[in-house]
Amino acid sequence: MAGAVVALVGVGVAACAGAAQKPGTPPFRAAFALPFDAYRLNDEDLVTVTAARTRLRRECMAKKGFVWTGKQSAADAHPLLSKNARRYGLADSEAARRYGYHVPDTPQEAQAQAEEAAWAGRASKAEQSALLGPGGCVDQADSALWKGVRDRDSAWLVDLEYAAVDQSAADPAVVIATRAWSDCMRDNGFDYQTPQAAVEDRRWNLNVPKVSPAERAVAAADVRCKQKTDLVTTRAAAEWRIQTKMIEQHAKRFEALRKANQSYLGNARHTLDRRADSEAR
């Protein structure tokens, strides 16, 4: 997905995640900013773009003589996933207690899925072709949002991001903290070498809603051990350094992406403003 420039959160990584909690404090949160975040959509922008895309699809279908009642949801703005909250695995004690490693749909996501399914269930082949076929309303809406946007390909940023994640995992301080996390988990009766191994345990079926007591127990221990070992803080600090260096090395390309993101988001805002002006007349 294309990103949009956003202001970095003006706080140090160490203040954002990993510190041990005192009794009575709010549940541990792992949300924090990283340098690459300035080159992708934030949650508010995702909602704006999603609303614009939905509106463009509906207008396009109306021109074709159809009524599209589906509705999209800004799934990437999920509160349990946004702001790097699970970048290094689960790090929210309340989420661990309630959902284990599962990420439940928000009410907005569930409603959007239900509405899309309801429309698909009653839509004729002609309606589905008008929406989903080559050059259909899905394609037309995307084309409108990307109109005039240069250097829009951000796939290279994804590759850089994977590289940054891998490099941070190999940072000496992170290796030590990960080993300490594994020792902590073993003290709690669970044998995992890395947090990712805990998430990928075959006992958890993350494709179905049911969460087992065993999954909740492991997830809760996982978060406690991350707090105890400052693993999230250590990993985020390492990746911050790596991403900063990458931005310096690819400064022109990042600036081009920033401008492309501004144009993309500008098109979405214009779409919504145009409709608002029309309705006000």
C-alpha atoms as a PDB file:
ATOM      1  CA  MET A   1       0.000   0.000   0.000  1.00  0.00           C
ATOM      2  CA  ALA A   2       1.193   3.493  -0.687  1.00  0.00           C
ATOM      3  CA  GLY A   3       2.228   5.447   2.350  1.00  0.00           C
ATOM      4  CA  ALA A   4       1.586   9.048   3.277  1.00  0.00           C
ATOM      5  CA  VAL A   5       3.934  11.417   5.027  1.00  0.00           C
ATOM      6  CA  VAL A   6       3.126  11.847   8.690  1.00  0.00           C
ATOM      7  CA  ALA A   7       4.889  13.547  11.560  1.00  0.00           C
ATOM      8  CA  LEU A   8       7.051  11.240  13.594  1.00  0.00           C
ATOM      9  CA  VAL A   9       6.057  10.835  17.197  1.00  0.00           C
ATOM     10  CA  GLY A  10       8.468  13.001  19.146  1.00  0.00           C
ATOM     11  CA  VAL A  11       9.411  10.494  21.783  1.00  0.00           C
ATOM     12  CA  GLY A  12      12.342   8.218  22.316  1.00  0.00           C
ATOM     13  CA  VAL A  13      11.883   4.544  21.653  1.00  0.00           C
ATOM     14  CA  ALA A  14      12.832   3.665  25.204  1.00  0.00           C
ATOM     15  CA  ALA A  15       9.910   5.707  26.488  1.00  0.00           C
ATOM     16  CA  CYS A  16       7.454   3.905  24.234  1.00  0.00           C
ATOM     17  CA  ALA A  17       7.884   0.247  24.926  1.00  0.00           C
ATOM     18  CA  GLY A  18       9.477  -2.415  27.021  1.00  0.00           C
ATOM     19  CA  ALA A  19       9.623  -0.807  30.447  1.00  0.00           C
ATOM     20  CA  ALA A  20       8.405  -2.993  33.278  1.00  0.00           C
ATOM     21  CA  GLN A  21       5.029  -1.958  34.651  1.00  0.00           C
ATOM     22  CA  LYS A  22       4.181  -0.999  38.175  1.00  0.00           C
ATOM     23  CA  PRO A  23       1.044  -2.487  39.702  1.00  0.00           C
ATOM     24  CA  GLY A  24      -2.064  -0.575  38.727  1.00  0.00           C
ATOM     25  CA  THR A  25      -0.673   0.955  35.547  1.00  0.00           C
ATOM     26  CA  PRO A  26      -2.492   0.588  32.197  1.00  0.00           C
ATOM     27  CA  PRO A  27      -1.832  -2.529  30.119  1.00  0.00           C
ATOM     28  CA  PHE A  28       1.557  -2.582  28.410  1.00  0.00           C
ATOM     29  CA  ARG A  29       1.462  -1.129  24.896  1.00  0.00           C
ATOM     30  CA  ALA A  30       4.109  -1.590  22.227  1.00  0.00           C
ATOM     31  CA  ALA A  31       2.986   1.204  19.924  1.00  0.00           C
ATOM     32  CA  PHE A  32       5.922   3.308  18.822  1.00  0.00           C
ATOM     33  CA  ALA A  33       7.223   5.190  15.801  1.00  0.00           C
ATOM     34  CA  LEU A  34      10.014   4.222  13.429  1.00  0.00           C
ATOM     35  CA  PRO A  35      11.598   6.395  10.718  1.00  0.00           C
ATOM     36  CA  PHE A  36       9.909   4.555   7.841  1.00  0.00           C
ATOM     37  CA  ASP A  37       6.517   5.446   9.328  1.00  0.00           C
ATOM     38  CA  ALA A  38       6.899   8.927   7.834  1.00  0.00           C
ATOM     39  CA  TYR A  39       6.522   7.358   4.396  1.00  0.00           C
ATOM     40  CA  ARG A  40       3.269   5.449   4.778  1.00  0.00           C
ATOM     41  CA  LEU A  41      -0.342   6.174   5.617  1.00  0.00           C
ATOM     42  CA  ASN A  42      -1.245   6.743   9.231  1.00  0.00           C
ATOM     43  CA  ASP A  43      -4.528   5.464  10.639  1.00  0.00           C
ATOM     44  CA  GLU A  44      -6.447   8.674   9.927  1.00  0.00           C
ATOM     45  CA  ASP A  45      -5.177   8.744   6.349  1.00  0.00           C
ATOM     46  CA  LEU A  46      -6.207   5.110   5.837  1.00  0.00           C
ATOM     47  CA  VAL A  47      -9.753   5.980   6.844  1.00  0.00           C
ATOM     48  CA  THR A  48      -9.755   8.920   4.407  1.00  0.00           C
ATOM     49  CA  VAL A  49      -8.481   6.861   1.477  1.00  0.00           C
ATOM     50  CA  THR A  50     -10.869   4.006   2.213  1.00  0.00           C
ATOM     51  CA  ALA A  51     -13.844   6.376   2.327  1.00  0.00           C
ATOM     52  CA  ALA A  52     -12.791   7.956  -0.969  1.00  0.00           C
ATOM     53  CA  ARG A  53     -12.298   4.579  -2.660  1.00  0.00           C
ATOM     54  CA  THR A  54     -15.714   3.402  -1.492  1.00  0.00           C
ATOM     55  CA  ARG A  55     -17.368   6.590  -2.741  1.00  0.00           C
ATOM     56  CA  LEU A  56     -15.676   6.335  -6.147  1.00  0.00           C
ATOM     57  CA  ARG A  57     -16.827   2.741  -6.542  1.00  0.00           C
ATOM     58  CA  ARG A  58     -20.412   3.643  -5.679  1.00  0.00           C
ATOM     59  CA  GLU A  59     -20.447   6.575  -8.095  1.00  0.00           C
ATOM     60  CA  CYS A  60     -18.985   4.407 -10.848  1.00  0.00           C
ATOM     61  CA  MET A  61     -21.558   1.675 -10.301  1.00  0.00           C
ATOM     62  CA  ALA A  62     -24.378   4.242 -10.320  1.00  0.00           C
ATOM     63  CA  LYS A  63     -23.211   5.480 -13.719  1.00  0.00           C
ATOM     64  CA  LYS A  64     -23.448   1.905 -14.973  1.00  0.00           C
ATOM     65  CA  GLY A  65     -26.993   1.648 -13.663  1.00  0.00           C
ATOM     66  CA  PHE A  66     -26.223  -0.444 -10.587  1.00  0.00           C
ATOM     67  CA  VAL A  67     -26.395   0.123  -6.855  1.00  0.00           C
ATOM     68  CA  TRP A  68     -23.363  -1.106  -4.957  1.00  0.00           C
ATOM     69  CA  THR A  69     -24.071  -1.358  -1.238  1.00  0.00           C
ATOM     70  CA  GLY A  70     -20.764  -2.881  -0.210  1.00  0.00           C
ATOM     71  CA  LYS A  71     -18.573  -1.015   2.195  1.00  0.00           C
ATOM     72  CA  GLN A  72     -14.859  -1.169   2.796  1.00  0.00           C
ATOM     73  CA  SER A  73     -13.132  -0.885   6.131  1.00  0.00           C
ATOM     74  CA  ALA A  74      -9.695   0.556   6.777  1.00  0.00           C
ATOM     75  CA  ALA A  75      -8.437  -2.805   8.002  1.00  0.00           C
ATOM     76  CA  ASP A  76      -4.842  -1.600   8.165  1.00  0.00           C
ATOM     77  CA  ALA A  77      -5.910   0.855  10.856  1.00  0.00           C
ATOM     78  CA  HIS A  78      -6.750  -1.976  13.249  1.00  0.00           C
ATOM     79  CA  PRO A  79      -5.957  -0.761  16.796  1.00  0.00           C
ATOM     80  CA  LEU A  80      -4.189  -4.017  17.696  1.00  0.00           C
ATOM     81  CA  LEU A  81      -1.924  -3.791  14.642  1.00  0.00           C
ATOM     82  CA  SER A  82      -1.313  -0.108  14.007  1.00  0.00           C
ATOM     83  CA  LYS A  83       1.702   1.933  15.099  1.00  0.00           C
ATOM     84  CA  ASN A  84       4.016  -1.097  15.091  1.00  0.00           C
ATOM     85  CA  ALA A  85       2.096  -2.604  17.998  1.00  0.00           C
ATOM     86  CA  ARG A  86       2.987  -6.175  16.951  1.00  0.00           C
ATOM     87  CA  ARG A  87       6.112  -5.534  14.966  1.00  0.00           C
ATOM     88  CA  TYR A  88       8.122  -7.885  17.152  1.00  0.00           C
ATOM     89  CA  GLY A  89       5.247 -10.077  18.183  1.00  0.00           C
ATOM     90  CA  LEU A  90       2.554  -9.617  20.783  1.00  0.00           C
ATOM     91  CA  ALA A  91       3.325  -6.930  23.357  1.00  0.00           C
ATOM     92  CA  ASP A  92      -0.043  -5.919  24.821  1.00  0.00           C
ATOM     93  CA  SER A  93      -0.925  -7.674  28.065  1.00  0.00           C
ATOM     94  CA  GLU A  94      -4.657  -6.961  27.763  1.00  0.00           C
ATOM     95  CA  ALA A  95      -4.772  -8.303  24.199  1.00  0.00           C
ATOM     96  CA  ALA A  96      -2.844 -11.391  25.328  1.00  0.00           C
ATOM     97  CA  ARG A  97      -5.321 -12.034  28.127  1.00  0.00           C
ATOM     98  CA  ARG A  98      -8.388 -11.614  25.912  1.00  0.00           C
ATOM     99  CA  TYR A  99      -7.316 -12.849  22.491  1.00  0.00           C
ATOM    100  CA  GLY A 100      -4.060 -14.749  22.830  1.00  0.00           C
ATOM    101  CA  TYR A 101      -2.280 -14.344  19.503  1.00  0.00           C
ATOM    102  CA  HIS A 102      -5.530 -13.791  17.594  1.00  0.00           C
ATOM    103  CA  VAL A 103      -6.424 -10.444  16.044  1.00  0.00           C
ATOM    104  CA  PRO A 104     -10.227 -10.194  16.112  1.00  0.00           C
ATOM    105  CA  ASP A 105     -12.141  -8.118  13.596  1.00  0.00           C
ATOM    106  CA  THR A 106     -13.220  -4.713  14.794  1.00  0.00           C
ATOM    107  CA  PRO A 107     -16.982  -4.028  14.637  1.00  0.00           C
ATOM    108  CA  GLN A 108     -16.321  -1.844  11.581  1.00  0.00           C
ATOM    109  CA  GLU A 109     -14.458  -4.649   9.821  1.00  0.00           C
ATOM    110  CA  ALA A 110     -17.155  -7.182  10.663  1.00  0.00           C
ATOM    111  CA  GLN A 111     -19.883  -4.876   9.364  1.00  0.00           C
ATOM    112  CA  ALA A 112     -17.968  -4.128   6.166  1.00  0.00           C
ATOM    113  CA  GLN A 113     -17.375  -7.819   5.500  1.00  0.00           C
ATOM    114  CA  ALA A 114     -21.041  -8.599   6.116  1.00  0.00           C
ATOM    115  CA  GLU A 115     -22.192  -5.853   3.767  1.00  0.00           C
ATOM    116  CA  GLU A 116     -19.794  -6.920   1.006  1.00  0.00           C
ATOM    117  CA  ALA A 117     -20.864 -10.540   1.389  1.00  0.00           C
ATOM    118  CA  ALA A 118     -24.536  -9.583   1.312  1.00  0.00           C
ATOM    119  CA  TRP A 119     -24.069  -7.604  -1.902  1.00  0.00           C
ATOM    120  CA  ALA A 120     -22.024 -10.384  -3.545  1.00  0.00           C
ATOM    121  CA  GLY A 121     -24.701 -12.908  -2.620  1.00  0.00           C
ATOM    122  CA  ARG A 122     -27.469 -11.080  -4.443  1.00  0.00           C
ATOM    123  CA  ALA A 123     -25.511  -9.377  -7.247  1.00  0.00           C
ATOM    124  CA  SER A 124     -25.996 -10.535 -10.809  1.00  0.00           C
ATOM    125  CA  LYS A 125     -23.071 -11.523 -13.014  1.00  0.00           C
ATOM    126  CA  ALA A 126     -23.414  -8.198 -14.813  1.00  0.00           C
ATOM    127  CA  GLU A 127     -23.147  -6.298 -11.528  1.00  0.00           C
ATOM    128  CA  GLN A 128     -20.133  -8.279 -10.382  1.00  0.00           C
ATOM    129  CA  SER A 129     -18.461  -7.781 -13.753  1.00  0.00           C
ATOM    130  CA  ALA A 130     -19.140  -4.048 -13.604  1.00  0.00           C
ATOM    131  CA  LEU A 131     -17.443  -3.849 -10.234  1.00  0.00           C
ATOM    132  CA  LEU A 132     -14.679  -6.435 -10.449  1.00  0.00           C
ATOM    133  CA  GLY A 133     -14.063  -7.031 -14.155  1.00  0.00           C
ATOM    134  CA  PRO A 134     -11.152  -5.576 -16.141  1.00  0.00           C
ATOM    135  CA  GLY A 135     -11.623  -1.823 -16.271  1.00  0.00           C
ATOM    136  CA  GLY A 136     -14.489  -2.127 -13.812  1.00  0.00           C
ATOM    137  CA  CYS A 137     -15.297   0.189 -10.959  1.00  0.00           C
ATOM    138  CA  VAL A 138     -12.611  -1.206  -8.659  1.00  0.00           C
ATOM    139  CA  ASP A 139      -9.982  -0.438 -11.302  1.00  0.00           C
ATOM    140  CA  GLN A 140     -11.503   2.950 -12.096  1.00  0.00           C
ATOM    141  CA  ALA A 141     -11.571   3.996  -8.451  1.00  0.00           C
ATOM    142  CA  ASP A 142      -7.930   3.049  -8.003  1.00  0.00           C
ATOM    143  CA  SER A 143      -6.980   4.897 -11.190  1.00  0.00           C
ATOM    144  CA  ALA A 144      -8.720   8.036  -9.930  1.00  0.00           C
ATOM    145  CA  LEU A 145      -6.860   7.931  -6.627  1.00  0.00           C
ATOM    146  CA  TRP A 146      -3.529   7.419  -8.387  1.00  0.00           C
ATOM    147  CA  LYS A 147      -4.153  10.115 -11.030  1.00  0.00           C
ATOM    148  CA  GLY A 148      -1.092  12.326 -11.482  1.00  0.00           C
ATOM    149  CA  VAL A 149       0.887  10.468  -8.830  1.00  0.00           C
ATOM    150  CA  ARG A 150       4.512   9.981  -9.845  1.00  0.00           C
ATOM    151  CA  ASP A 151       6.983   7.443  -8.459  1.00  0.00           C
ATOM    152  CA  ARG A 152       4.136   5.562  -6.841  1.00  0.00           C
ATOM    153  CA  ASP A 153       5.838   2.159  -6.613  1.00  0.00           C
ATOM    154  CA  SER A 154       6.708   1.554  -2.964  1.00  0.00           C
ATOM    155  CA  ALA A 155       7.530  -2.149  -3.274  1.00  0.00           C
ATOM    156  CA  TRP A 156      11.177  -1.320  -2.754  1.00  0.00           C
ATOM    157  CA  LEU A 157      10.305   0.153   0.639  1.00  0.00           C
ATOM    158  CA  VAL A 158       8.778  -3.177   1.658  1.00  0.00           C
ATOM    159  CA  ASP A 159      12.008  -4.910   0.707  1.00  0.00           C
ATOM    160  CA  LEU A 160      14.021  -2.399   2.727  1.00  0.00           C
ATOM    161  CA  GLU A 161      11.712  -2.912   5.669  1.00  0.00           C
ATOM    162  CA  TYR A 162      12.166  -6.680   5.652  1.00  0.00           C
ATOM    163  CA  ALA A 163      15.909  -6.118   5.495  1.00  0.00           C
ATOM    164  CA  ALA A 164      15.749  -3.734   8.459  1.00  0.00           C
ATOM    165  CA  VAL A 165      13.733  -6.229  10.500  1.00  0.00           C
ATOM    166  CA  ASP A 166      16.210  -9.016   9.740  1.00  0.00           C
ATOM    167  CA  GLN A 167      19.195  -6.830  10.545  1.00  0.00           C
ATOM    168  CA  SER A 168      17.692  -5.713  13.841  1.00  0.00           C
ATOM    169  CA  ALA A 169      17.161  -9.346  14.863  1.00  0.00           C
ATOM    170  CA  ALA A 170      20.886  -9.948  14.364  1.00  0.00           C
ATOM    171  CA  ASP A 171      21.949  -6.934  16.433  1.00  0.00           C
ATOM    172  CA  PRO A 172      24.134  -8.180  19.338  1.00  0.00           C
ATOM    173  CA  ALA A 173      22.001  -6.479  21.983  1.00  0.00           C
ATOM    174  CA  VAL A 174      18.845  -7.942  20.458  1.00  0.00           C
ATOM    175  CA  VAL A 175      20.372 -11.418  20.356  1.00  0.00           C
ATOM    176  CA  ILE A 176      21.116 -11.157  24.080  1.00  0.00           C
ATOM    177  CA  ALA A 177      17.621  -9.850  24.881  1.00  0.00           C
ATOM    178  CA  THR A 178      16.000 -12.585  22.785  1.00  0.00           C
ATOM    179  CA  ARG A 179      17.982 -15.245  24.616  1.00  0.00           C
ATOM    180  CA  ALA A 180      16.898 -13.715  27.924  1.00  0.00           C
ATOM    181  CA  TRP A 181      13.277 -13.763  26.722  1.00  0.00           C
ATOM    182  CA  SER A 182      13.597 -17.457  25.843  1.00  0.00           C
ATOM    183  CA  ASP A 183      15.041 -18.209  29.286  1.00  0.00           C
ATOM    184  CA  CYS A 184      12.159 -16.304  30.881  1.00  0.00           C
ATOM    185  CA  MET A 185       9.623 -18.298  28.874  1.00  0.00           C
ATOM    186  CA  ARG A 186      11.304 -21.532  29.924  1.00  0.00           C
ATOM    187  CA  ASP A 187      11.009 -20.424  33.558  1.00  0.00           C
ATOM    188  CA  ASN A 188       7.273 -20.094  32.901  1.00  0.00           C
ATOM    189  CA  GLY A 189       7.130 -23.622  31.511  1.00  0.00           C
ATOM    190  CA  PHE A 190       7.235 -22.797  27.780  1.00  0.00           C
ATOM    191  CA  ASP A 191      10.048 -23.698  25.407  1.00  0.00           C
ATOM    192  CA  TYR A 192      10.409 -21.199  22.558  1.00  0.00           C
ATOM    193  CA  GLN A 193      13.610 -19.797  21.073  1.00  0.00           C
ATOM    194  CA  THR A 194      12.005 -16.629  19.685  1.00  0.00           C
ATOM    195  CA  PRO A 195       8.707 -14.723  20.009  1.00  0.00           C
ATOM    196  CA  GLN A 196       7.904 -15.627  16.414  1.00  0.00           C
ATOM    197  CA  ALA A 197       8.112 -19.306  17.295  1.00  0.00           C
ATOM    198  CA  ALA A 198       5.502 -18.757  19.996  1.00  0.00           C
ATOM    199  CA  VAL A 199       3.152 -17.037  17.549  1.00  0.00           C
ATOM    200  CA  GLU A 200       3.605 -19.821  14.987  1.00  0.00           C
ATOM    201  CA  ASP A 201       2.962 -22.676  17.417  1.00  0.00           C
ATOM    202  CA  ARG A 202       0.846 -25.178  15.490  1.00  0.00           C
ATOM    203  CA  ARG A 203      -1.457 -25.599  18.448  1.00  0.00           C
ATOM    204  CA  TRP A 204      -2.971 -22.182  17.710  1.00  0.00           C
ATOM    205  CA  ASN A 205      -5.320 -21.995  14.763  1.00  0.00           C
ATOM    206  CA  LEU A 206      -5.303 -18.299  14.046  1.00  0.00           C
ATOM    207  CA  ASN A 207      -7.722 -18.724  11.152  1.00  0.00           C
ATOM    208  CA  VAL A 208     -10.647 -19.544  13.424  1.00  0.00           C
ATOM    209  CA  PRO A 209     -12.075 -17.304  16.174  1.00  0.00           C
ATOM    210  CA  LYS A 210     -11.696 -19.738  19.075  1.00  0.00           C
ATOM    211  CA  VAL A 211      -8.834 -19.006  21.466  1.00  0.00           C
ATOM    212  CA  SER A 212      -7.694 -21.799  23.763  1.00  0.00           C
ATOM    213  CA  PRO A 213      -6.689 -21.303  27.422  1.00  0.00           C
ATOM    214  CA  ALA A 214      -3.234 -22.635  26.514  1.00  0.00           C
ATOM    215  CA  GLU A 215      -2.799 -19.956  23.861  1.00  0.00           C
ATOM    216  CA  ARG A 216      -3.798 -17.242  26.304  1.00  0.00           C
ATOM    217  CA  ALA A 217      -1.358 -18.575  28.887  1.00  0.00           C
ATOM    218  CA  VAL A 218       1.564 -18.604  26.463  1.00  0.00           C
ATOM    219  CA  ALA A 219       0.667 -15.172  25.096  1.00  0.00           C
ATOM    220  CA  ALA A 220       0.477 -13.680  28.582  1.00  0.00           C
ATOM    221  CA  ALA A 221       3.869 -15.137  29.511  1.00  0.00           C
ATOM    222  CA  ASP A 222       5.269 -13.894  26.208  1.00  0.00           C
ATOM    223  CA  VAL A 223       4.310 -10.298  27.024  1.00  0.00           C
ATOM    224  CA  ARG A 224       5.557 -10.533  30.620  1.00  0.00           C
ATOM    225  CA  CYS A 225       8.902 -11.805  29.410  1.00  0.00           C
ATOM    226  CA  LYS A 226       9.175  -9.041  26.817  1.00  0.00           C
ATOM    227  CA  GLN A 227       8.600  -6.520  29.594  1.00  0.00           C
ATOM    228  CA  LYS A 228      11.110  -8.186  31.897  1.00  0.00           C
ATOM    229  CA  THR A 229      13.853  -8.332  29.258  1.00  0.00           C
ATOM    230  CA  ASP A 230      13.110  -5.016  27.471  1.00  0.00           C
ATOM    231  CA  LEU A 231      13.117  -6.958  24.228  1.00  0.00           C
ATOM    232  CA  VAL A 232      10.763  -4.619  22.344  1.00  0.00           C
ATOM    233  CA  THR A 233      12.716  -1.530  23.420  1.00  0.00           C
ATOM    234  CA  THR A 234      16.015  -3.097  22.452  1.00  0.00           C
ATOM    235  CA  ARG A 235      14.759  -4.321  19.097  1.00  0.00           C
ATOM    236  CA  ALA A 236      13.068  -1.013  18.237  1.00  0.00           C
ATOM    237  CA  ALA A 237      16.191   0.968  19.110  1.00  0.00           C
ATOM    238  CA  ALA A 238      18.276  -1.245  16.846  1.00  0.00           C
ATOM    239  CA  GLU A 239      15.839  -0.941  13.965  1.00  0.00           C
ATOM    240  CA  TRP A 240      15.577   2.817  14.455  1.00  0.00           C
ATOM    241  CA  ARG A 241      19.308   3.109  13.808  1.00  0.00           C
ATOM    242  CA  ILE A 242      19.101   0.815  10.784  1.00  0.00           C
ATOM    243  CA  GLN A 243      16.134   2.587   9.194  1.00  0.00           C
ATOM    244  CA  THR A 244      17.700   6.011   9.751  1.00  0.00           C
ATOM    245  CA  LYS A 245      20.821   4.909   7.898  1.00  0.00           C
ATOM    246  CA  MET A 246      18.738   3.464   5.057  1.00  0.00           C
ATOM    247  CA  ILE A 247      16.855   6.746   4.635  1.00  0.00           C
ATOM    248  CA  GLU A 248      20.151   8.608   4.452  1.00  0.00           C
ATOM    249  CA  GLN A 249      21.428   6.174   1.838  1.00  0.00           C
ATOM    250  CA  HIS A 250      18.283   6.501  -0.319  1.00  0.00           C
ATOM    251  CA  ALA A 251      17.374  10.125   0.413  1.00  0.00           C
ATOM    252  CA  LYS A 252      16.201  11.043  -3.092  1.00  0.00           C
ATOM    253  CA  ARG A 253      14.021   7.983  -3.413  1.00  0.00           C
ATOM    254  CA  PHE A 254      12.410   8.551  -0.033  1.00  0.00           C
ATOM    255  CA  GLU A 255      11.696  12.172  -0.929  1.00  0.00           C
ATOM    256  CA  ALA A 256      10.054  11.060  -4.173  1.00  0.00           C
ATOM    257  CA  LEU A 257       7.887   8.621  -2.212  1.00  0.00           C
ATOM    258  CA  ARG A 258       6.916  11.359   0.233  1.00  0.00           C
ATOM    259  CA  LYS A 259       5.699  13.551  -2.621  1.00  0.00           C
ATOM    260  CA  ALA A 260       3.843  10.661  -4.230  1.00  0.00           C
ATOM    261  CA  ASN A 261       2.120   9.956  -0.948  1.00  0.00           C
ATOM    262  CA  GLN A 262       1.018  13.559  -0.610  1.00  0.00           C
ATOM    263  CA  SER A 263      -0.493  13.480  -4.106  1.00  0.00           C
ATOM    264  CA  TYR A 264      -2.254  10.193  -3.450  1.00  0.00           C
ATOM    265  CA  LEU A 265      -3.794  11.397  -0.207  1.00  0.00           C
ATOM    266  CA  GLY A 266      -4.640  14.718  -1.861  1.00  0.00           C
ATOM    267  CA  ASN A 267      -6.671  12.888  -4.504  1.00  0.00           C
ATOM    268  CA  ALA A 268      -8.590  11.069  -1.783  1.00  0.00           C
ATOM    269  CA  ARG A 269      -9.351  14.285   0.053  1.00  0.00           C
ATOM    270  CA  HIS A 270     -10.416  15.982  -3.161  1.00  0.00           C
ATOM    271  CA  THR A 271     -12.830  13.130  -3.860  1.00  0.00           C
ATOM    272  CA  LEU A 272     -14.495  13.565  -0.494  1.00  0.00           C
ATOM    273  CA  ASP A 273     -14.492  17.374  -0.684  1.00  0.00           C
ATOM    274  CA  ARG A 274     -16.025  17.278  -4.178  1.00  0.00           C
ATOM    275  CA  ARG A 275     -18.890  15.111  -2.972  1.00  0.00           C
ATOM    276  CA  ALA A 276     -19.411  17.282   0.103  1.00  0.00           C
ATOM    277  CA  ASP A 277     -19.619  20.418  -2.066  1.00  0.00           C
ATOM    278  CA  SER A 278     -22.119  18.705  -4.367  1.00  0.00           C
ATOM    279  CA  GLU A 279     -24.360  17.700  -1.478  1.00  0.00           C
ATOM    280  CA  ALA A 280     -24.235  21.224  -0.014  1.00  0.00           C
ATOM    281  CA  ARG A 281     -25.671  22.767  -3.177  1.00  0.00           C
END
